[in-house]
C-alpha atoms as a PDB file:
ATOM      1  CA  UNK A   1     206.439  46.977 105.522  1.00  0.00           C
ATOM      2  CA  UNK A   2     203.708  46.792 103.687  1.00  0.00           C
ATOM      3  CA  UNK A   3     203.015  44.481 100.647  1.00  0.00           C
ATOM      4  CA  UNK A   4     201.900  46.524  97.873  1.00  0.00           C
ATOM      5  CA  UNK A   5     199.414  44.717  95.171  1.00  0.00           C
ATOM      6  CA  UNK A   6     198.981  47.749  92.494  1.00  0.00           C
ATOM      7  CA  UNK A   7     202.621  50.227  93.125  1.00  0.00           C
ATOM      8  CA  UNK A   8     203.669  52.928  90.563  1.00  0.00           C
ATOM      9  CA  UNK A   9     206.503  55.623  92.311  1.00  0.00           C
ATOM     10  CA  UNK A  10     205.077  57.522  94.463  1.00  0.00           C
ATOM     11  CA  UNK A  11     202.139  55.543  96.224  1.00  0.00           C
ATOM     12  CA  UNK A  12     201.322  51.790  97.129  1.00  0.00           C
ATOM     13  CA  UNK A  13     197.621  49.947  97.343  1.00  0.00           C
ATOM     14  CA  UNK A  14     197.974  47.529  99.975  1.00  0.00           C
ATOM     15  CA  UNK A  15     194.928  45.300 101.884  1.00  0.00           C
ATOM     16  CA  UNK A  16     193.000  46.028 104.818  1.00  0.00           C
ATOM     17  CA  UNK A  17     193.848  43.882 107.425  1.00  0.00           C
ATOM     18  CA  UNK A  18     191.781  43.378 111.009  1.00  0.00           C
ATOM     19  CA  UNK A  19     195.272  44.868 113.040  1.00  0.00           C
ATOM     20  CA  UNK A  20     194.545  47.990 110.729  1.00  0.00           C
ATOM     21  CA  UNK A  21     191.537  49.929 112.668  1.00  0.00           C
ATOM     22  CA  UNK A  22     193.353  52.570 113.264  1.00  0.00           C
ATOM     23  CA  UNK A  23     193.889  54.061 110.028  1.00  0.00           C
ATOM     24  CA  UNK A  24     190.355  52.820 109.269  1.00  0.00           C
ATOM     25  CA  UNK A  25     189.504  55.179 112.122  1.00  0.00           C
ATOM     26  CA  UNK A  26     191.855  58.049 111.262  1.00  0.00           C
ATOM     27  CA  UNK A  27     190.569  58.603 107.804  1.00  0.00           C
ATOM     28  CA  UNK A  28     186.574  57.043 108.611  1.00  0.00           C
ATOM     29  CA  UNK A  29     186.199  58.293 111.843  1.00  0.00           C
ATOM     30  CA  UNK A  30     187.037  62.621 110.378  1.00  0.00           C
ATOM     31  CA  UNK A  31     183.468  63.778 109.191  1.00  0.00           C
ATOM     32  CA  UNK A  32     185.235  65.839 106.736  1.00  0.00           C
ATOM     33  CA  UNK A  33     185.442  62.347 105.064  1.00  0.00           C
ATOM     34  CA  UNK A  34     182.563  60.811 105.986  1.00  0.00           C
ATOM     35  CA  UNK A  35     179.914  64.186 105.093  1.00  0.00           C
ATOM     36  CA  UNK A  36     179.289  62.974 101.880  1.00  0.00           C
ATOM     37  CA  UNK A  37     179.216  58.993 102.628  1.00  0.00           C
ATOM     38  CA  UNK A  38     176.135  58.602 105.123  1.00  0.00           C
ATOM     39  CA  UNK A  39     173.187  60.541 105.992  1.00  0.00           C
ATOM     40  CA  UNK A  40     174.538  62.752 108.945  1.00  0.00           C
ATOM     41  CA  UNK A  41     177.750  62.602 107.925  1.00  0.00           C
ATOM     42  CA  UNK A  42     179.509  60.516 110.485  1.00  0.00           C
ATOM     43  CA  UNK A  43     180.275  57.254 111.166  1.00  0.00           C
ATOM     44  CA  UNK A  44     180.442  56.369 115.358  1.00  0.00           C
ATOM     45  CA  UNK A  45     183.738  53.869 116.301  1.00  0.00           C
ATOM     46  CA  UNK A  46     181.258  50.767 115.245  1.00  0.00           C
ATOM     47  CA  UNK A  47     181.027  51.910 111.627  1.00  0.00           C
ATOM     48  CA  UNK A  48     184.372  51.931 110.918  1.00  0.00           C
ATOM     49  CA  UNK A  49     185.144  48.607 112.863  1.00  0.00           C
ATOM     50  CA  UNK A  50     181.883  47.292 110.292  1.00  0.00           C
ATOM     51  CA  UNK A  51     183.203  48.956 107.683  1.00  0.00           C
ATOM     52  CA  UNK A  52     187.023  47.542 108.398  1.00  0.00           C
ATOM     53  CA  UNK A  53     184.959  43.672 108.367  1.00  0.00           C
ATOM     54  CA  UNK A  54     183.505  44.455 105.092  1.00  0.00           C
ATOM     55  CA  UNK A  55     186.211  44.617 103.525  1.00  0.00           C
ATOM     56  CA  UNK A  56     187.968  42.509 104.084  1.00  0.00           C
ATOM     57  CA  UNK A  57     185.712  40.354 103.339  1.00  0.00           C
ATOM     58  CA  UNK A  58     184.937  41.558  99.886  1.00  0.00           C
ATOM     59  CA  UNK A  59     189.035  40.725  99.609  1.00  0.00           C
ATOM     60  CA  UNK A  60     188.398  36.790 100.298  1.00  0.00           C
ATOM     61  CA  UNK A  61     185.417  36.989  98.439  1.00  0.00           C
ATOM     62  CA  UNK A  62     186.414  38.512  95.350  1.00  0.00           C
ATOM     63  CA  UNK A  63     189.745  40.284  95.629  1.00  0.00           C
ATOM     64  CA  UNK A  64     188.931  43.153  96.154  1.00  0.00           C
ATOM     65  CA  UNK A  65     188.051  45.821  98.453  1.00  0.00           C
ATOM     66  CA  UNK A  66     188.582  50.358  99.083  1.00  0.00           C
ATOM     67  CA  UNK A  67     192.275  49.701  99.186  1.00  0.00           C
ATOM     68  CA  UNK A  68     194.364  51.776 101.562  1.00  0.00           C
ATOM     69  CA  UNK A  69     196.909  53.908  99.648  1.00  0.00           C
ATOM     70  CA  UNK A  70     200.545  54.639 101.136  1.00  0.00           C
ATOM     71  CA  UNK A  71     203.511  56.556  99.694  1.00  0.00           C
ATOM     72  CA  UNK A  72     205.894  55.165  98.781  1.00  0.00           C
ATOM     73  CA  UNK A  73     208.971  57.173 100.787  1.00  0.00           C
ATOM     74  CA  UNK A  74     207.348  57.439 103.997  1.00  0.00           C
ATOM     75  CA  UNK A  75     204.698  54.176 104.611  1.00  0.00           C
ATOM     76  CA  UNK A  76     202.339  57.309 105.155  1.00  0.00           C
ATOM     77  CA  UNK A  77     198.446  56.525 104.767  1.00  0.00           C
ATOM     78  CA  UNK A  78     196.575  59.121 102.416  1.00  0.00           C
ATOM     79  CA  UNK A  79     193.604  56.949 102.151  1.00  0.00           C
ATOM     80  CA  UNK A  80     191.436  54.805 100.248  1.00  0.00           C
ATOM     81  CA  UNK A  81     191.036  53.911  96.666  1.00  0.00           C
ATOM     82  CA  UNK A  82     189.596  50.952  94.838  1.00  0.00           C
ATOM     83  CA  UNK A  83     187.002  49.037  93.796  1.00  0.00           C
ATOM     84  CA  UNK A  84     183.807  46.994  95.136  1.00  0.00           C
ATOM     85  CA  UNK A  85     181.592  44.443  93.234  1.00  0.00           C
ATOM     86  CA  UNK A  86     178.611  46.026  91.933  1.00  0.00           C
ATOM     87  CA  UNK A  87     177.188  43.871  88.771  1.00  0.00           C
ATOM     88  CA  UNK A  88     179.816  40.149  89.067  1.00  0.00           C
ATOM     89  CA  UNK A  89     177.960  38.154  87.039  1.00  0.00           C
ATOM     90  CA  UNK A  90     179.100  40.895  84.054  1.00  0.00           C
ATOM     91  CA  UNK A  91     182.175  41.942  85.250  1.00  0.00           C
ATOM     92  CA  UNK A  92     181.488  45.430  86.136  1.00  0.00           C
ATOM     93  CA  UNK A  93     182.928  47.055  89.418  1.00  0.00           C
ATOM     94  CA  UNK A  94     183.064  50.252  91.685  1.00  0.00           C
ATOM     95  CA  UNK A  95     185.421  52.832  91.812  1.00  0.00           C
ATOM     96  CA  UNK A  96     185.725  54.779  95.341  1.00  0.00           C
ATOM     97  CA  UNK A  97     187.836  56.933  96.495  1.00  0.00           C
ATOM     98  CA  UNK A  98     187.960  58.224  99.929  1.00  0.00           C
ATOM     99  CA  UNK A  99     191.115  60.224 101.149  1.00  0.00           C
ATOM    100  CA  UNK A 100     192.382  62.307 104.579  1.00  0.00           C
ATOM    101  CA  UNK A 101     192.036  65.847 104.223  1.00  0.00           C
ATOM    102  CA  UNK A 102     195.887  66.460 103.811  1.00  0.00           C
ATOM    103  CA  UNK A 103     195.809  64.819 100.816  1.00  0.00           C
ATOM    104  CA  UNK A 104     192.333  66.710  99.194  1.00  0.00           C
ATOM    105  CA  UNK A 105     192.998  68.971  96.309  1.00  0.00           C
ATOM    106  CA  UNK A 106     196.837  67.407  94.476  1.00  0.00           C
ATOM    107  CA  UNK A 107     195.763  65.053  91.949  1.00  0.00           C
ATOM    108  CA  UNK A 108     196.326  61.821  94.474  1.00  0.00           C
ATOM    109  CA  UNK A 109     192.925  61.050  94.155  1.00  0.00           C
ATOM    110  CA  UNK A 110     192.910  60.885  89.786  1.00  0.00           C
ATOM    111  CA  UNK A 111     196.646  59.174  90.371  1.00  0.00           C
ATOM    112  CA  UNK A 112     195.310  56.322  92.598  1.00  0.00           C
ATOM    113  CA  UNK A 113     191.453  55.818  91.078  1.00  0.00           C
ATOM    114  CA  UNK A 114     193.499  55.641  87.126  1.00  0.00           C
ATOM    115  CA  UNK A 115     195.981  53.245  88.461  1.00  0.00           C
ATOM    116  CA  UNK A 116     192.776  51.277  89.934  1.00  0.00           C
ATOM    117  CA  UNK A 117     190.803  51.386  86.647  1.00  0.00           C
ATOM    118  CA  UNK A 118     193.962  49.816  84.722  1.00  0.00           C
ATOM    119  CA  UNK A 119     194.011  47.007  86.947  1.00  0.00           C
ATOM    120  CA  UNK A 120     190.300  46.530  87.140  1.00  0.00           C
ATOM    121  CA  UNK A 121     190.672  46.432  83.083  1.00  0.00           C
ATOM    122  CA  UNK A 122     194.041  44.626  82.632  1.00  0.00           C
ATOM    123  CA  UNK A 123     193.709  42.053  85.919  1.00  0.00           C
ATOM    124  CA  UNK A 124     190.253  41.400  86.501  1.00  0.00           C
ATOM    125  CA  UNK A 125     188.983  41.780  83.069  1.00  0.00           C
ATOM    126  CA  UNK A 126     186.222  44.156  84.135  1.00  0.00           C
ATOM    127  CA  UNK A 127     184.094  45.151  81.337  1.00  0.00           C
ATOM    128  CA  UNK A 128     183.660  47.954  83.069  1.00  0.00           C
ATOM    129  CA  UNK A 129     183.587  50.397  85.893  1.00  0.00           C
ATOM    130  CA  UNK A 130     181.005  52.033  87.559  1.00  0.00           C
ATOM    131  CA  UNK A 131     181.108  54.869  89.922  1.00  0.00           C
ATOM    132  CA  UNK A 132     178.980  57.504  91.607  1.00  0.00           C
ATOM    133  CA  UNK A 133     178.934  60.119  93.579  1.00  0.00           C
ATOM    134  CA  UNK A 134     176.962  62.276  96.415  1.00  0.00           C
ATOM    135  CA  UNK A 135     174.813  65.090  94.198  1.00  0.00           C
ATOM    136  CA  UNK A 136     176.070  67.990  97.118  1.00  0.00           C
ATOM    137  CA  UNK A 137     179.918  66.535  96.627  1.00  0.00           C
ATOM    138  CA  UNK A 138     181.081  69.084  93.196  1.00  0.00           C
ATOM    139  CA  UNK A 139     184.499  66.901  94.024  1.00  0.00           C
ATOM    140  CA  UNK A 140     184.034  63.947  92.921  1.00  0.00           C
ATOM    141  CA  UNK A 141     181.830  64.931  89.881  1.00  0.00           C
ATOM    142  CA  UNK A 142     184.715  67.167  88.910  1.00  0.00           C
ATOM    143  CA  UNK A 143     186.802  64.543  89.083  1.00  0.00           C
ATOM    144  CA  UNK A 144     184.529  61.279  87.823  1.00  0.00           C
ATOM    145  CA  UNK A 145     184.207  63.971  84.467  1.00  0.00           C
ATOM    146  CA  UNK A 146     188.223  63.726  84.073  1.00  0.00           C
ATOM    147  CA  UNK A 147     188.530  60.358  84.920  1.00  0.00           C
ATOM    148  CA  UNK A 148     186.346  59.968  81.356  1.00  0.00           C
ATOM    149  CA  UNK A 149     183.279  58.689  82.700  1.00  0.00           C
ATOM    150  CA  UNK A 150     179.664  59.060  81.359  1.00  0.00           C
ATOM    151  CA  UNK A 151     176.932  59.428  82.581  1.00  0.00           C
ATOM    152  CA  UNK A 152     174.091  57.035  82.956  1.00  0.00           C
ATOM    153  CA  UNK A 153     171.255  57.694  85.539  1.00  0.00           C
ATOM    154  CA  UNK A 154     170.639  58.746  88.896  1.00  0.00           C
ATOM    155  CA  UNK A 155     171.215  55.961  91.929  1.00  0.00           C
ATOM    156  CA  UNK A 156     169.620  55.531  94.692  1.00  0.00           C
ATOM    157  CA  UNK A 157     172.527  54.654  97.648  1.00  0.00           C
ATOM    158  CA  UNK A 158     170.807  53.746 101.016  1.00  0.00           C
ATOM    159  CA  UNK A 159     173.744  55.037 103.213  1.00  0.00           C
ATOM    160  CA  UNK A 160     172.874  58.865 102.508  1.00  0.00           C
ATOM    161  CA  UNK A 161     169.592  58.322 101.190  1.00  0.00           C
ATOM    162  CA  UNK A 162     169.918  60.243  98.373  1.00  0.00           C
ATOM    163  CA  UNK A 163     169.786  59.166  94.410  1.00  0.00           C
ATOM    164  CA  UNK A 164     172.865  59.823  93.179  1.00  0.00           C
ATOM    165  CA  UNK A 165     174.768  60.418  90.403  1.00  0.00           C
ATOM    166  CA  UNK A 166     176.072  57.527  88.763  1.00  0.00           C
ATOM    167  CA  UNK A 167     178.421  56.769  85.662  1.00  0.00           C
ATOM    168  CA  UNK A 168     180.041  54.409  83.453  1.00  0.00           C
ATOM    169  CA  UNK A 169     183.111  53.434  81.148  1.00  0.00           C
ATOM    170  CA  UNK A 170     184.095  50.669  79.315  1.00  0.00           C
ATOM    171  CA  UNK A 171     187.181  49.235  78.789  1.00  0.00           C
ATOM    172  CA  UNK A 172     187.580  50.751  75.522  1.00  0.00           C
ATOM    173  CA  UNK A 173     186.586  54.136  76.611  1.00  0.00           C
ATOM    174  CA  UNK A 174     189.280  53.788  79.089  1.00  0.00           C
ATOM    175  CA  UNK A 175     191.637  52.851  76.616  1.00  0.00           C
ATOM    176  CA  UNK A 176     191.051  56.001  74.384  1.00  0.00           C
ATOM    177  CA  UNK A 177     190.508  58.762  77.215  1.00  0.00           C
ATOM    178  CA  UNK A 178     194.314  57.528  78.336  1.00  0.00           C
ATOM    179  CA  UNK A 179     195.646  57.672  74.935  1.00  0.00           C
ATOM    180  CA  UNK A 180     193.780  61.029  74.481  1.00  0.00           C
ATOM    181  CA  UNK A 181     195.880  62.643  77.120  1.00  0.00           C
ATOM    182  CA  UNK A 182     199.684  60.587  77.242  1.00  0.00           C
ATOM    183  CA  UNK A 183     199.377  59.688  73.247  1.00  0.00           C
ATOM    184  CA  UNK A 184     200.186  56.271  71.913  1.00  0.00           C
ATOM    185  CA  UNK A 185     199.094  52.638  73.284  1.00  0.00           C
ATOM    186  CA  UNK A 186     198.952  52.107  77.634  1.00  0.00           C
ATOM    187  CA  UNK A 187     196.949  48.396  77.794  1.00  0.00           C
ATOM    188  CA  UNK A 188     198.826  45.315  77.890  1.00  0.00           C
ATOM    189  CA  UNK A 189     199.282  42.840  79.692  1.00  0.00           C
ATOM    190  CA  UNK A 190     201.629  43.457  83.150  1.00  0.00           C
ATOM    191  CA  UNK A 191     204.153  41.132  82.924  1.00  0.00           C
END
């Protein structure tokens, strides 16, 4: 059974381990998942192994990674959602989400991103969260707007060779967006 570091009523976030190569290959070995992540839209087995190693190293060094997401009731892997260091000196993290095709378009990405953002602000004392997307990925653009991010600039992303529209959200902006959607105060220390 997986140990979850973030958990909601339906999904849980685990930590990548070296033994998780099969799940990493199922996700990042699928060219439909990676078509906006790399220049040629594909990741080789070696690329996936390297990606898994990087995620593990990020967690060891920064306590963040693109965490694997699981359905609580079946333990089925949905993909990943999490944080990477972006500007650690200023407490800014980068948000990312990659889902298995089966879970596209049904609200999983939005739910997962909101949980991760809340975790970043409450538990990591993030000052802001950065996110960028491949300019051809319309679904990511729509999700980012829904999450309340504000466009800031285009930033060159070496793996795709493209300038990616880039966005930022501060803790106060996150609170505002969530309060407008749900009403009432949502931010408080986890007990």
